[in-house]
């Protein structure tokens, strides 16, 4: 069996759920792998991010999200409300704050000691619900999906902009 692995970097935005269409990255990785038949796994190591498969919606809202992404945000907000206060969720607790404050790069997570920067319990729960990976069939060295099927990377953490990543692993 042959295994091919490629990393993709994705930029997220502060203040909104960030979506990235990574379909072309996945197709390119499959082509580069030269694997004719097998599977392709797309996975993120981040606990507030997800990888999912959805139809390309064509229509875009004022925030730049496709209509299905806007609908996903609306549905997830009903199930898992945004983390807007210390009372919204029990996470993060005092021990978690203390752990983060002890990190050498704590200021990245708590700018100027601002504990509200860790109010992303909703992002963790949304990512858990959607999942951190998706598996696809590789057929004749191509991503075996329909013409409207696209692969998306989502970062549900709205607390700050940052560079994220995912791995594309092709096996066959």
C-alpha atoms as a PDB file:
ATOM      1  CA  UNK A   1       0.000   0.000   0.000  1.00  0.00           C
ATOM      2  CA  UNK A   2       1.157   3.517  -0.822  1.00  0.00           C
ATOM      3  CA  UNK A   3       0.504   6.474   1.493  1.00  0.00           C
ATOM      4  CA  UNK A   4       0.781  10.096   0.380  1.00  0.00           C
ATOM      5  CA  UNK A   5       0.385  13.024   2.778  1.00  0.00           C
ATOM      6  CA  UNK A   6       0.066  16.750   2.158  1.00  0.00           C
ATOM      7  CA  UNK A   7      -0.622  19.682   4.502  1.00  0.00           C
ATOM      8  CA  UNK A   8      -2.872  22.600   3.615  1.00  0.00           C
ATOM      9  CA  UNK A   9      -2.857  25.940   5.457  1.00  0.00           C
ATOM     10  CA  UNK A  10      -6.114  27.802   5.961  1.00  0.00           C
ATOM     11  CA  UNK A  11      -6.557  31.329   7.316  1.00  0.00           C
ATOM     12  CA  UNK A  12      -9.438  32.014   9.687  1.00  0.00           C
ATOM     13  CA  UNK A  13     -11.045  35.362  10.435  1.00  0.00           C
ATOM     14  CA  UNK A  14     -11.727  36.970  13.792  1.00  0.00           C
ATOM     15  CA  UNK A  15     -15.352  37.507  14.729  1.00  0.00           C
ATOM     16  CA  UNK A  16     -16.961  34.957  12.421  1.00  0.00           C
ATOM     17  CA  UNK A  17     -17.042  31.277  11.632  1.00  0.00           C
ATOM     18  CA  UNK A  18     -14.547  30.821   8.803  1.00  0.00           C
ATOM     19  CA  UNK A  19     -15.160  28.463   5.901  1.00  0.00           C
ATOM     20  CA  UNK A  20     -12.615  27.471   3.263  1.00  0.00           C
ATOM     21  CA  UNK A  21     -13.324  25.470   0.129  1.00  0.00           C
ATOM     22  CA  UNK A  22     -10.413  23.006  -0.007  1.00  0.00           C
ATOM     23  CA  UNK A  23     -11.798  20.847  -2.810  1.00  0.00           C
ATOM     24  CA  UNK A  24      -9.060  21.763  -5.301  1.00  0.00           C
ATOM     25  CA  UNK A  25      -6.378  21.056  -2.676  1.00  0.00           C
ATOM     26  CA  UNK A  26      -7.850  17.585  -2.170  1.00  0.00           C
ATOM     27  CA  UNK A  27      -8.069  16.911  -5.912  1.00  0.00           C
ATOM     28  CA  UNK A  28      -4.484  18.097  -6.406  1.00  0.00           C
ATOM     29  CA  UNK A  29      -3.190  15.891  -3.569  1.00  0.00           C
ATOM     30  CA  UNK A  30      -4.939  12.869  -5.070  1.00  0.00           C
ATOM     31  CA  UNK A  31      -3.417  13.602  -8.496  1.00  0.00           C
ATOM     32  CA  UNK A  32       0.050  14.098  -6.955  1.00  0.00           C
ATOM     33  CA  UNK A  33      -0.248  10.832  -5.030  1.00  0.00           C
ATOM     34  CA  UNK A  34      -0.533   8.837  -8.279  1.00  0.00           C
ATOM     35  CA  UNK A  35      -2.768   6.423  -6.358  1.00  0.00           C
ATOM     36  CA  UNK A  36      -5.355   4.977  -8.711  1.00  0.00           C
ATOM     37  CA  UNK A  37      -7.804   3.435  -6.230  1.00  0.00           C
ATOM     38  CA  UNK A  38      -8.114   3.787  -2.477  1.00  0.00           C
ATOM     39  CA  UNK A  39      -9.236   6.364   0.042  1.00  0.00           C
ATOM     40  CA  UNK A  40      -8.481   9.957   0.873  1.00  0.00           C
ATOM     41  CA  UNK A  41      -8.753  11.179   4.450  1.00  0.00           C
ATOM     42  CA  UNK A  42      -8.931  14.902   5.178  1.00  0.00           C
ATOM     43  CA  UNK A  43      -8.345  15.697   8.855  1.00  0.00           C
ATOM     44  CA  UNK A  44      -7.670  18.694  11.067  1.00  0.00           C
ATOM     45  CA  UNK A  45      -5.794  18.548  14.389  1.00  0.00           C
ATOM     46  CA  UNK A  46      -7.560  21.641  15.758  1.00  0.00           C
ATOM     47  CA  UNK A  47     -10.255  21.150  18.400  1.00  0.00           C
ATOM     48  CA  UNK A  48     -12.413  24.038  17.159  1.00  0.00           C
ATOM     49  CA  UNK A  49     -12.226  23.096  13.458  1.00  0.00           C
ATOM     50  CA  UNK A  50     -14.057  20.626  11.241  1.00  0.00           C
ATOM     51  CA  UNK A  51     -13.821  19.086   7.800  1.00  0.00           C
ATOM     52  CA  UNK A  52     -17.057  18.254   6.009  1.00  0.00           C
ATOM     53  CA  UNK A  53     -18.536  17.420   2.615  1.00  0.00           C
ATOM     54  CA  UNK A  54     -21.396  19.489   1.234  1.00  0.00           C
ATOM     55  CA  UNK A  55     -22.969  20.656  -1.971  1.00  0.00           C
ATOM     56  CA  UNK A  56     -21.570  23.889  -3.419  1.00  0.00           C
ATOM     57  CA  UNK A  57     -24.438  26.352  -2.943  1.00  0.00           C
ATOM     58  CA  UNK A  58     -23.519  29.034  -5.537  1.00  0.00           C
ATOM     59  CA  UNK A  59     -25.334  31.807  -3.632  1.00  0.00           C
ATOM     60  CA  UNK A  60     -23.265  33.922  -1.234  1.00  0.00           C
ATOM     61  CA  UNK A  61     -24.512  36.148   1.605  1.00  0.00           C
ATOM     62  CA  UNK A  62     -23.148  39.595   2.553  1.00  0.00           C
ATOM     63  CA  UNK A  63     -20.619  37.992   4.947  1.00  0.00           C
ATOM     64  CA  UNK A  64     -19.153  35.918   2.099  1.00  0.00           C
ATOM     65  CA  UNK A  65     -20.613  32.595   3.215  1.00  0.00           C
ATOM     66  CA  UNK A  66     -22.473  30.239   0.915  1.00  0.00           C
ATOM     67  CA  UNK A  67     -26.169  29.888   1.754  1.00  0.00           C
ATOM     68  CA  UNK A  68     -25.707  26.322   3.082  1.00  0.00           C
ATOM     69  CA  UNK A  69     -22.942  27.608   5.378  1.00  0.00           C
ATOM     70  CA  UNK A  70     -25.255  30.381   6.593  1.00  0.00           C
ATOM     71  CA  UNK A  71     -27.931  27.740   7.225  1.00  0.00           C
ATOM     72  CA  UNK A  72     -25.412  25.549   9.055  1.00  0.00           C
ATOM     73  CA  UNK A  73     -24.467  28.513  11.265  1.00  0.00           C
ATOM     74  CA  UNK A  74     -28.153  29.184  12.011  1.00  0.00           C
ATOM     75  CA  UNK A  75     -28.883  25.555  12.904  1.00  0.00           C
ATOM     76  CA  UNK A  76     -25.751  25.168  15.037  1.00  0.00           C
ATOM     77  CA  UNK A  77     -26.547  28.428  16.856  1.00  0.00           C
ATOM     78  CA  UNK A  78     -29.943  26.958  17.823  1.00  0.00           C
ATOM     79  CA  UNK A  79     -28.319  23.774  19.147  1.00  0.00           C
ATOM     80  CA  UNK A  80     -25.138  25.343  20.550  1.00  0.00           C
ATOM     81  CA  UNK A  81     -25.493  29.066  21.317  1.00  0.00           C
ATOM     82  CA  UNK A  82     -22.486  31.352  20.945  1.00  0.00           C
ATOM     83  CA  UNK A  83     -20.238  31.624  24.002  1.00  0.00           C
ATOM     84  CA  UNK A  84     -20.967  35.233  25.009  1.00  0.00           C
ATOM     85  CA  UNK A  85     -20.489  35.191  28.781  1.00  0.00           C
ATOM     86  CA  UNK A  86     -18.892  33.230  31.587  1.00  0.00           C
ATOM     87  CA  UNK A  87     -22.344  31.821  32.340  1.00  0.00           C
ATOM     88  CA  UNK A  88     -22.995  30.450  28.830  1.00  0.00           C
ATOM     89  CA  UNK A  89     -20.879  27.320  29.419  1.00  0.00           C
ATOM     90  CA  UNK A  90     -18.950  25.860  32.345  1.00  0.00           C
ATOM     91  CA  UNK A  91     -15.886  25.696  30.068  1.00  0.00           C
ATOM     92  CA  UNK A  92     -13.325  27.075  30.549  1.00  0.00           C
ATOM     93  CA  UNK A  93     -12.964  26.451  34.249  1.00  0.00           C
ATOM     94  CA  UNK A  94     -10.463  27.959  36.646  1.00  0.00           C
ATOM     95  CA  UNK A  95      -7.924  25.147  36.204  1.00  0.00           C
ATOM     96  CA  UNK A  96      -7.992  25.619  32.427  1.00  0.00           C
ATOM     97  CA  UNK A  97      -7.429  29.368  32.766  1.00  0.00           C
ATOM     98  CA  UNK A  98      -4.504  28.686  35.109  1.00  0.00           C
ATOM     99  CA  UNK A  99      -3.013  26.133  32.718  1.00  0.00           C
ATOM    100  CA  UNK A 100      -3.202  28.524  29.757  1.00  0.00           C
ATOM    101  CA  UNK A 101      -1.768  31.361  31.875  1.00  0.00           C
ATOM    102  CA  UNK A 102       1.262  29.164  32.613  1.00  0.00           C
ATOM    103  CA  UNK A 103       2.084  28.568  28.935  1.00  0.00           C
ATOM    104  CA  UNK A 104       5.143  30.387  27.530  1.00  0.00           C
ATOM    105  CA  UNK A 105       2.937  31.780  24.742  1.00  0.00           C
ATOM    106  CA  UNK A 106      -0.033  32.585  27.013  1.00  0.00           C
ATOM    107  CA  UNK A 107      -0.373  36.078  25.544  1.00  0.00           C
ATOM    108  CA  UNK A 108      -1.378  34.534  22.194  1.00  0.00           C
ATOM    109  CA  UNK A 109      -4.387  32.948  23.913  1.00  0.00           C
ATOM    110  CA  UNK A 110      -5.020  35.606  26.567  1.00  0.00           C
ATOM    111  CA  UNK A 111      -4.017  38.985  25.097  1.00  0.00           C
ATOM    112  CA  UNK A 112      -3.245  41.338  28.005  1.00  0.00           C
ATOM    113  CA  UNK A 113      -4.542  38.624  30.353  1.00  0.00           C
ATOM    114  CA  UNK A 114      -8.085  38.874  28.935  1.00  0.00           C
ATOM    115  CA  UNK A 115      -9.825  35.664  30.004  1.00  0.00           C
ATOM    116  CA  UNK A 116     -12.778  36.335  27.693  1.00  0.00           C
ATOM    117  CA  UNK A 117     -10.451  35.377  24.824  1.00  0.00           C
ATOM    118  CA  UNK A 118     -11.033  31.745  25.885  1.00  0.00           C
ATOM    119  CA  UNK A 119     -14.808  31.960  25.543  1.00  0.00           C
ATOM    120  CA  UNK A 120     -14.921  29.483  22.677  1.00  0.00           C
ATOM    121  CA  UNK A 121     -16.791  26.593  24.293  1.00  0.00           C
ATOM    122  CA  UNK A 122     -19.345  26.791  21.489  1.00  0.00           C
ATOM    123  CA  UNK A 123     -16.593  26.346  18.878  1.00  0.00           C
ATOM    124  CA  UNK A 124     -15.334  23.192  20.597  1.00  0.00           C
ATOM    125  CA  UNK A 125     -18.843  21.730  20.789  1.00  0.00           C
ATOM    126  CA  UNK A 126     -19.702  22.612  17.178  1.00  0.00           C
ATOM    127  CA  UNK A 127     -16.466  21.050  15.931  1.00  0.00           C
ATOM    128  CA  UNK A 128     -17.169  17.937  17.993  1.00  0.00           C
ATOM    129  CA  UNK A 129     -20.635  17.663  16.471  1.00  0.00           C
ATOM    130  CA  UNK A 130     -19.497  18.139  12.849  1.00  0.00           C
ATOM    131  CA  UNK A 131     -16.275  16.127  13.182  1.00  0.00           C
ATOM    132  CA  UNK A 132     -12.603  16.611  12.490  1.00  0.00           C
ATOM    133  CA  UNK A 133     -12.262  14.407   9.408  1.00  0.00           C
ATOM    134  CA  UNK A 134     -13.943  13.078   6.301  1.00  0.00           C
ATOM    135  CA  UNK A 135     -13.088  10.017   4.182  1.00  0.00           C
ATOM    136  CA  UNK A 136     -13.508   9.905   0.404  1.00  0.00           C
ATOM    137  CA  UNK A 137     -13.154   7.252  -2.258  1.00  0.00           C
ATOM    138  CA  UNK A 138     -10.327   7.607  -4.759  1.00  0.00           C
ATOM    139  CA  UNK A 139     -11.293   6.122  -8.141  1.00  0.00           C
ATOM    140  CA  UNK A 140      -9.001   6.255 -11.177  1.00  0.00           C
ATOM    141  CA  UNK A 141      -6.740   8.805  -9.425  1.00  0.00           C
ATOM    142  CA  UNK A 142      -9.673  11.179  -8.879  1.00  0.00           C
ATOM    143  CA  UNK A 143     -11.846  12.319  -5.999  1.00  0.00           C
ATOM    144  CA  UNK A 144     -14.944  10.139  -6.422  1.00  0.00           C
ATOM    145  CA  UNK A 145     -17.725  12.645  -5.689  1.00  0.00           C
ATOM    146  CA  UNK A 146     -20.489  14.184  -7.735  1.00  0.00           C
ATOM    147  CA  UNK A 147     -20.026  17.449  -9.599  1.00  0.00           C
ATOM    148  CA  UNK A 148     -21.622  19.556  -6.844  1.00  0.00           C
ATOM    149  CA  UNK A 149     -19.812  17.871  -3.933  1.00  0.00           C
ATOM    150  CA  UNK A 150     -17.199  20.096  -2.290  1.00  0.00           C
ATOM    151  CA  UNK A 151     -14.849  19.667   0.671  1.00  0.00           C
ATOM    152  CA  UNK A 152     -14.895  22.408   3.300  1.00  0.00           C
ATOM    153  CA  UNK A 153     -12.715  23.326   6.237  1.00  0.00           C
ATOM    154  CA  UNK A 154     -14.508  25.259   8.993  1.00  0.00           C
ATOM    155  CA  UNK A 155     -13.050  27.100  11.968  1.00  0.00           C
ATOM    156  CA  UNK A 156     -15.823  27.715  14.489  1.00  0.00           C
ATOM    157  CA  UNK A 157     -13.562  29.710  16.837  1.00  0.00           C
ATOM    158  CA  UNK A 158     -14.395  33.386  16.383  1.00  0.00           C
ATOM    159  CA  UNK A 159     -12.044  34.682  19.109  1.00  0.00           C
ATOM    160  CA  UNK A 160      -9.102  35.573  16.862  1.00  0.00           C
ATOM    161  CA  UNK A 161      -7.731  35.250  13.337  1.00  0.00           C
ATOM    162  CA  UNK A 162      -5.015  32.674  12.819  1.00  0.00           C
ATOM    163  CA  UNK A 163      -3.451  30.191  10.459  1.00  0.00           C
ATOM    164  CA  UNK A 164      -4.945  26.710  10.649  1.00  0.00           C
ATOM    165  CA  UNK A 165      -4.046  23.494   8.882  1.00  0.00           C
ATOM    166  CA  UNK A 166      -5.403  20.200   7.749  1.00  0.00           C
ATOM    167  CA  UNK A 167      -3.816  17.078   6.363  1.00  0.00           C
ATOM    168  CA  UNK A 168      -4.804  15.254   3.207  1.00  0.00           C
ATOM    169  CA  UNK A 169      -3.786  11.600   3.333  1.00  0.00           C
ATOM    170  CA  UNK A 170      -4.235   9.400   0.272  1.00  0.00           C
ATOM    171  CA  UNK A 171      -3.880   5.622   0.636  1.00  0.00           C
ATOM    172  CA  UNK A 172      -4.204   2.846  -1.875  1.00  0.00           C
END
